[in-house]
Amino acid sequence: MRKAMVILWPSFIVGGVAEVLFFTAFDPMDLHLFGQPVGLSRLAAYSVGFLFFWALAAASSALTCFLQRTSREINR
């Protein structure tokens, strides 16, 4: 449980900051995916964007925790 919180809490903060920075520069109504408008409401675009940025930051934090293991932990 502790390891999950070490990964998820910082990634939550980073996801929120990344969303603010991204949507400060880009309007959700102007986003296109494969040449087609995304077709989501603003709230849906903000929600999906936050979950995407949170997942990306969580993956980064999890990889850091994975690579931080000592040789004793790996060879158990």
Protein backbone atom coordinates (compact mmCIF):
# COMPACT_ATOMS: atom_id res chain seq x y z
CA MET A 1 0.00 0.00 0.00
CA ARG A 2 2.82 2.39 0.85
CA LYS A 3 4.50 1.83 -2.53
CA ALA A 4 1.23 2.54 -4.34
CA MET A 5 0.87 5.85 -2.49
CA VAL A 6 4.49 6.73 -3.25
CA ILE A 7 3.68 6.25 -6.93
CA LEU A 8 0.12 7.61 -7.17
CA TRP A 9 0.23 10.75 -5.03
CA PRO A 10 3.14 12.54 -6.78
CA SER A 11 1.78 11.45 -10.17
CA PHE A 12 -1.62 12.94 -9.22
CA ILE A 13 0.03 16.31 -8.53
CA VAL A 14 2.10 16.14 -11.73
CA GLY A 15 -0.99 15.12 -13.73
CA GLY A 16 -2.87 18.15 -12.45
CA VAL A 17 -0.01 20.53 -13.23
CA ALA A 18 0.48 19.00 -16.70
CA GLU A 19 -3.23 19.35 -17.44
CA VAL A 20 -3.25 23.01 -16.41
CA LEU A 21 -0.21 23.75 -18.55
CA PHE A 22 -1.53 21.82 -21.57
CA PHE A 23 -5.02 23.31 -21.53
CA THR A 24 -3.64 26.78 -20.94
CA ALA A 25 -2.01 26.50 -24.36
CA PHE A 26 -4.69 24.46 -26.18
CA ASP A 27 -8.46 24.83 -26.28
CA PRO A 28 -10.27 21.46 -25.96
CA MET A 29 -12.66 22.43 -28.75
CA ASP A 30 -9.72 22.86 -31.18
CA LEU A 31 -8.20 19.42 -30.59
CA HIS A 32 -8.09 17.00 -33.52
CA LEU A 33 -7.26 13.29 -33.55
CA PHE A 34 -6.21 11.77 -36.89
CA GLY A 35 -7.53 14.82 -38.71
CA GLN A 36 -11.00 14.65 -37.14
CA PRO A 37 -12.31 16.83 -34.32
CA VAL A 38 -12.24 15.00 -30.99
CA GLY A 39 -15.95 15.63 -30.43
CA LEU A 40 -15.88 15.74 -26.62
CA SER A 41 -17.33 18.40 -24.38
CA ARG A 42 -14.87 20.63 -22.56
CA LEU A 43 -15.44 18.80 -19.27
CA ALA A 44 -14.92 15.41 -20.92
CA ALA A 45 -11.73 16.63 -22.63
CA TYR A 46 -10.40 17.97 -19.31
CA SER A 47 -11.25 14.68 -17.58
CA VAL A 48 -9.67 12.49 -20.25
CA GLY A 49 -6.64 14.78 -20.38
CA PHE A 50 -6.16 14.63 -16.63
CA LEU A 51 -6.45 10.82 -16.58
CA PHE A 52 -3.96 10.58 -19.47
CA PHE A 53 -1.43 12.86 -17.77
CA TRP A 54 -1.94 11.08 -14.43
CA ALA A 55 -1.37 7.66 -16.04
CA LEU A 56 1.74 8.93 -17.82
CA ALA A 57 3.17 10.34 -14.59
CA ALA A 58 2.24 7.16 -12.67
CA ALA A 59 4.04 5.05 -15.26
CA SER A 60 7.09 7.27 -14.89
CA SER A 61 6.99 7.01 -11.08
CA ALA A 62 6.49 3.23 -11.21
CA LEU A 63 9.45 2.85 -13.56
CA THR A 64 11.57 4.93 -11.20
CA CYS A 65 10.58 2.71 -8.25
CA PHE A 66 11.29 -0.40 -10.31
CA LEU A 67 14.75 0.80 -11.36
CA GLN A 68 15.58 1.93 -7.83
CA ARG A 69 15.64 -1.61 -6.42
CA THR A 70 18.87 -2.84 -4.85
CA SER A 71 20.67 -5.99 -5.99
CA ARG A 72 19.54 -7.73 -2.77
CA GLU A 73 15.87 -7.05 -3.64
CA ILE A 74 16.35 -8.27 -7.20
CA ASN A 75 18.19 -11.49 -6.25
CA ARG A 76 15.82 -12.59 -3.48
